[in-house]
Amino acid sequence: MIPDDYEIELTLVRLVTERGADKTVCPSEVARALGGPHPDGWGPLMQPVRRQAVRLMKAGRIAILRKGKVVDDPDDFRGIYRLSLPRDADQGPGKTDSV
C-alpha cells in the first residue's frame, strides 16, 4: 500500500529533523523508510516524496539543495537533490541573497 501525502510529510520532516541542522537527507532515505529496503517498495515513492518536498519547501519547512545550495525554484530543478532543515539564510522562494 502506498502511503498517503500526510505520512510522507511526517516521515520527511522527522528524518530531516533527526538529522539536524546543516545535515542533509537523501530523498531515497525517505522513500526507503516508507517502502522498505527493496527497490520495488521504495522506487514508486520517489515522485510522491519529491512532490511533498516541493510543497514543504514552499511552506518554509524544509530546504531542497542541489550541489550544496538551496534551489531557487522548487518547481523547476533537475538532477540529484538533498533535503534539509531550512538554514538561517534560506527563506524559501523569493529569498534574497546577501553579499
N, C-alpha and C. Protein backbone atom coordinates (compact mmCIF):
# COMPACT_ATOMS: atom_id res chain seq x y z
N MET A 1 0.83 -1.19 0.00
CA MET A 1 0.00 0.00 0.00
C MET A 1 0.88 1.25 0.00
N ILE A 2 0.57 2.18 -0.88
CA ILE A 2 1.34 3.42 -0.98
C ILE A 2 0.89 4.36 0.14
N PRO A 3 1.85 4.93 0.88
CA PRO A 3 1.49 5.85 1.95
C PRO A 3 0.85 7.12 1.39
N ASP A 4 0.01 7.76 2.18
CA ASP A 4 -0.62 8.99 1.72
C ASP A 4 0.34 10.17 1.92
N ASP A 5 -0.06 11.32 1.39
CA ASP A 5 0.78 12.51 1.45
C ASP A 5 1.15 12.89 2.87
N TYR A 6 0.21 12.75 3.78
CA TYR A 6 0.46 13.11 5.17
C TYR A 6 1.56 12.23 5.78
N GLU A 7 1.50 10.93 5.51
CA GLU A 7 2.52 10.02 6.04
C GLU A 7 3.89 10.32 5.43
N ILE A 8 3.91 10.67 4.15
CA ILE A 8 5.18 11.04 3.51
C ILE A 8 5.72 12.32 4.16
N GLU A 9 4.85 13.30 4.37
CA GLU A 9 5.26 14.55 5.01
C GLU A 9 5.83 14.30 6.40
N LEU A 10 5.13 13.51 7.21
CA LEU A 10 5.61 13.23 8.57
C LEU A 10 6.98 12.56 8.55
N THR A 11 7.15 11.59 7.67
CA THR A 11 8.42 10.86 7.60
C THR A 11 9.54 11.78 7.13
N LEU A 12 9.28 12.59 6.12
CA LEU A 12 10.28 13.51 5.58
C LEU A 12 10.72 14.51 6.66
N VAL A 13 9.76 15.13 7.31
CA VAL A 13 10.09 16.12 8.34
C VAL A 13 10.80 15.46 9.52
N ARG A 14 10.36 14.27 9.90
CA ARG A 14 11.02 13.56 11.00
C ARG A 14 12.48 13.27 10.67
N LEU A 15 12.74 12.80 9.45
CA LEU A 15 14.12 12.44 9.09
C LEU A 15 15.04 13.66 9.02
N VAL A 16 14.57 14.77 8.43
CA VAL A 16 15.45 15.94 8.37
C VAL A 16 15.64 16.53 9.77
N THR A 17 14.62 16.45 10.61
CA THR A 17 14.74 16.96 11.98
C THR A 17 15.71 16.10 12.78
N GLU A 18 15.60 14.79 12.65
CA GLU A 18 16.52 13.89 13.36
C GLU A 18 17.96 14.09 12.90
N ARG A 19 18.13 14.37 11.61
CA ARG A 19 19.48 14.56 11.06
C ARG A 19 20.09 15.83 11.60
N GLY A 20 19.27 16.86 11.81
CA GLY A 20 19.75 18.09 12.44
C GLY A 20 20.19 19.17 11.47
N ALA A 21 20.50 20.31 12.06
CA ALA A 21 20.91 21.47 11.28
C ALA A 21 22.18 21.18 10.50
N ASP A 22 22.25 21.75 9.31
CA ASP A 22 23.43 21.63 8.43
C ASP A 22 23.73 20.21 7.98
N LYS A 23 22.79 19.29 8.15
CA LYS A 23 22.92 17.93 7.64
C LYS A 23 21.81 17.70 6.63
N THR A 24 22.02 16.76 5.73
CA THR A 24 21.01 16.52 4.70
C THR A 24 20.55 15.06 4.69
N VAL A 25 19.42 14.86 4.04
CA VAL A 25 18.81 13.55 3.87
C VAL A 25 18.61 13.33 2.38
N CYS A 26 18.90 12.15 1.90
CA CYS A 26 18.61 11.80 0.52
C CYS A 26 17.13 11.47 0.41
N PRO A 27 16.46 11.91 -0.65
CA PRO A 27 15.04 11.58 -0.78
C PRO A 27 14.79 10.07 -0.80
N SER A 28 15.77 9.29 -1.25
CA SER A 28 15.58 7.84 -1.24
C SER A 28 15.54 7.29 0.18
N GLU A 29 16.16 7.99 1.13
CA GLU A 29 16.06 7.57 2.53
C GLU A 29 14.63 7.68 3.02
N VAL A 30 13.95 8.75 2.60
CA VAL A 30 12.55 8.93 2.96
C VAL A 30 11.72 7.81 2.34
N ALA A 31 11.95 7.56 1.06
CA ALA A 31 11.21 6.51 0.36
C ALA A 31 11.46 5.14 0.99
N ARG A 32 12.71 4.86 1.36
CA ARG A 32 13.04 3.57 1.99
C ARG A 32 12.39 3.43 3.37
N ALA A 33 12.33 4.53 4.11
CA ALA A 33 11.70 4.50 5.43
C ALA A 33 10.22 4.13 5.31
N LEU A 34 9.62 4.48 4.20
CA LEU A 34 8.20 4.20 3.98
C LEU A 34 7.94 2.90 3.24
N GLY A 35 8.80 2.57 2.27
CA GLY A 35 8.53 1.44 1.39
C GLY A 35 9.39 0.23 1.61
N GLY A 36 10.36 0.32 2.54
CA GLY A 36 11.23 -0.81 2.81
C GLY A 36 12.47 -0.80 1.95
N PRO A 37 13.35 -1.77 2.16
CA PRO A 37 14.66 -1.76 1.52
C PRO A 37 14.67 -2.18 0.04
N HIS A 38 13.64 -2.89 -0.41
CA HIS A 38 13.64 -3.38 -1.79
C HIS A 38 13.18 -2.27 -2.75
N PRO A 39 13.88 -2.11 -3.88
CA PRO A 39 13.51 -1.07 -4.85
C PRO A 39 12.05 -1.12 -5.30
N ASP A 40 11.46 -2.31 -5.33
CA ASP A 40 10.05 -2.40 -5.72
C ASP A 40 9.14 -1.71 -4.71
N GLY A 41 9.61 -1.61 -3.46
CA GLY A 41 8.82 -0.95 -2.43
C GLY A 41 9.05 0.55 -2.38
N TRP A 42 10.32 0.97 -2.46
CA TRP A 42 10.61 2.40 -2.31
C TRP A 42 10.67 3.16 -3.63
N GLY A 43 10.98 2.48 -4.72
CA GLY A 43 11.11 3.16 -6.02
C GLY A 43 9.88 3.96 -6.42
N PRO A 44 8.68 3.37 -6.33
CA PRO A 44 7.49 4.12 -6.72
C PRO A 44 7.19 5.33 -5.82
N LEU A 45 7.88 5.44 -4.70
CA LEU A 45 7.63 6.55 -3.77
C LEU A 45 8.48 7.78 -4.06
N MET A 46 9.43 7.66 -4.98
CA MET A 46 10.33 8.78 -5.23
C MET A 46 9.61 10.04 -5.72
N GLN A 47 8.67 9.90 -6.63
CA GLN A 47 7.93 11.08 -7.11
C GLN A 47 7.01 11.65 -6.04
N PRO A 48 6.27 10.81 -5.29
CA PRO A 48 5.48 11.39 -4.19
C PRO A 48 6.34 12.10 -3.14
N VAL A 49 7.54 11.57 -2.86
CA VAL A 49 8.45 12.23 -1.91
C VAL A 49 8.86 13.59 -2.48
N ARG A 50 9.19 13.63 -3.75
CA ARG A 50 9.58 14.90 -4.37
C ARG A 50 8.44 15.92 -4.30
N ARG A 51 7.22 15.49 -4.60
CA ARG A 51 6.08 16.41 -4.54
C ARG A 51 5.92 17.00 -3.14
N GLN A 52 6.06 16.16 -2.12
CA GLN A 52 5.93 16.65 -0.74
C GLN A 52 7.10 17.57 -0.38
N ALA A 53 8.30 17.25 -0.87
CA ALA A 53 9.45 18.10 -0.60
C ALA A 53 9.23 19.49 -1.20
N VAL A 54 8.72 19.56 -2.41
CA VAL A 54 8.44 20.85 -3.05
C VAL A 54 7.40 21.62 -2.23
N ARG A 55 6.35 20.95 -1.84
CA ARG A 55 5.29 21.61 -1.05
C ARG A 55 5.83 22.12 0.28
N LEU A 56 6.66 21.30 0.94
CA LEU A 56 7.21 21.69 2.24
C LEU A 56 8.22 22.82 2.11
N MET A 57 8.97 22.85 1.01
CA MET A 57 9.90 23.96 0.82
C MET A 57 9.12 25.26 0.59
N LYS A 58 8.06 25.19 -0.19
CA LYS A 58 7.24 26.39 -0.41
C LYS A 58 6.65 26.91 0.89
N ALA A 59 6.38 26.00 1.82
CA ALA A 59 5.84 26.37 3.13
C ALA A 59 6.93 26.82 4.10
N GLY A 60 8.20 26.73 3.68
CA GLY A 60 9.31 27.15 4.53
C GLY A 60 9.71 26.14 5.59
N ARG A 61 9.26 24.89 5.45
CA ARG A 61 9.53 23.88 6.48
C ARG A 61 10.80 23.07 6.23
N ILE A 62 11.23 22.96 4.98
CA ILE A 62 12.47 22.27 4.64
C ILE A 62 13.17 23.06 3.54
N ALA A 63 14.38 22.63 3.22
CA ALA A 63 15.12 23.19 2.08
C ALA A 63 15.45 22.04 1.13
N ILE A 64 15.43 22.33 -0.16
CA ILE A 64 15.86 21.40 -1.19
C ILE A 64 17.18 21.93 -1.72
N LEU A 65 18.20 21.08 -1.69
CA LEU A 65 19.54 21.50 -2.10
C LEU A 65 20.02 20.73 -3.32
N ARG A 66 20.72 21.46 -4.20
CA ARG A 66 21.44 20.86 -5.32
C ARG A 66 22.86 21.35 -5.23
N LYS A 67 23.80 20.43 -5.24
CA LYS A 67 25.22 20.77 -5.15
C LYS A 67 25.50 21.67 -3.95
N GLY A 68 24.80 21.39 -2.84
CA GLY A 68 25.04 22.09 -1.59
C GLY A 68 24.37 23.45 -1.47
N LYS A 69 23.63 23.86 -2.49
CA LYS A 69 22.97 25.17 -2.46
C LYS A 69 21.46 24.99 -2.58
N VAL A 70 20.73 25.85 -1.88
CA VAL A 70 19.27 25.79 -1.93
C VAL A 70 18.81 26.13 -3.34
N VAL A 71 17.88 25.35 -3.86
CA VAL A 71 17.37 25.62 -5.21
C VAL A 71 16.60 26.94 -5.21
N ASP A 72 16.70 27.66 -6.32
CA ASP A 72 15.99 28.93 -6.44
C ASP A 72 14.50 28.73 -6.62
N ASP A 73 14.14 27.72 -7.41
CA ASP A 73 12.73 27.49 -7.72
C ASP A 73 12.39 26.03 -7.44
N PRO A 74 11.66 25.75 -6.37
CA PRO A 74 11.35 24.36 -6.05
C PRO A 74 10.49 23.67 -7.11
N ASP A 75 9.84 24.45 -7.96
CA ASP A 75 9.04 23.85 -9.03
C ASP A 75 9.87 23.50 -10.26
N ASP A 76 11.11 23.95 -10.31
CA ASP A 76 11.92 23.76 -11.52
C ASP A 76 13.38 23.48 -11.16
N PHE A 77 13.65 22.26 -10.74
CA PHE A 77 15.03 21.84 -10.53
C PHE A 77 15.17 20.42 -11.05
N ARG A 78 16.39 20.08 -11.44
CA ARG A 78 16.62 18.76 -12.03
C ARG A 78 17.80 18.10 -11.35
N GLY A 79 17.84 16.78 -11.49
CA GLY A 79 19.00 16.03 -11.03
C GLY A 79 18.91 15.61 -9.58
N ILE A 80 20.07 15.24 -9.08
CA ILE A 80 20.19 14.73 -7.71
C ILE A 80 20.00 15.89 -6.74
N TYR A 81 19.23 15.64 -5.70
CA TYR A 81 18.98 16.68 -4.71
C TYR A 81 18.98 16.07 -3.32
N ARG A 82 19.12 16.92 -2.32
CA ARG A 82 19.11 16.53 -0.92
C ARG A 82 18.09 17.40 -0.19
N LEU A 83 17.72 16.95 0.99
CA LEU A 83 16.72 17.65 1.81
C LEU A 83 17.34 18.02 3.15
N SER A 84 16.98 19.17 3.66
CA SER A 84 17.49 19.58 4.97
C SER A 84 16.48 20.49 5.65
N LEU A 85 16.77 20.78 6.92
CA LEU A 85 16.03 21.83 7.60
C LEU A 85 16.38 23.15 6.93
N PRO A 86 15.48 24.12 6.96
CA PRO A 86 15.84 25.43 6.39
C PRO A 86 17.04 26.00 7.14
N ARG A 87 17.91 26.62 6.40
CA ARG A 87 19.05 27.28 7.02
C ARG A 87 18.66 28.71 7.34
N ASP A 88 19.41 29.36 8.21
CA ASP A 88 19.07 30.72 8.61
C ASP A 88 18.93 31.65 7.42
N ALA A 89 19.80 31.50 6.44
CA ALA A 89 19.76 32.37 5.27
C ALA A 89 18.72 31.93 4.25
N ASP A 90 18.16 30.74 4.43
CA ASP A 90 17.18 30.21 3.48
C ASP A 90 15.79 30.66 3.89
N GLN A 91 15.22 31.52 3.10
CA GLN A 91 13.89 31.99 3.42
C GLN A 91 12.85 31.45 2.43
N GLY A 92 13.23 30.44 1.66
CA GLY A 92 12.27 29.85 0.73
C GLY A 92 12.19 30.67 -0.54
N PRO A 93 11.18 30.42 -1.37
CA PRO A 93 11.01 31.14 -2.63
C PRO A 93 10.95 32.64 -2.38
N GLY A 94 11.61 33.37 -3.26
CA GLY A 94 11.61 34.83 -3.11
C GLY A 94 12.66 35.33 -2.14
N LYS A 95 13.52 34.43 -1.64
CA LYS A 95 14.54 34.85 -0.68
C LYS A 95 15.52 35.80 -1.36
N THR A 96 16.17 36.60 -0.58
CA THR A 96 17.20 37.47 -1.13
C THR A 96 18.53 36.99 -0.61
N ASP A 97 19.52 37.03 -1.49
CA ASP A 97 20.85 36.60 -1.11
C ASP A 97 21.64 37.83 -0.67
N SER A 98 22.26 37.73 0.49
CA SER A 98 23.10 38.84 0.94
C SER A 98 24.52 38.60 0.50
N VAL A 99 25.26 39.65 0.28
CA VAL A 99 26.63 39.55 -0.21
C VAL A 99 27.60 39.57 0.93
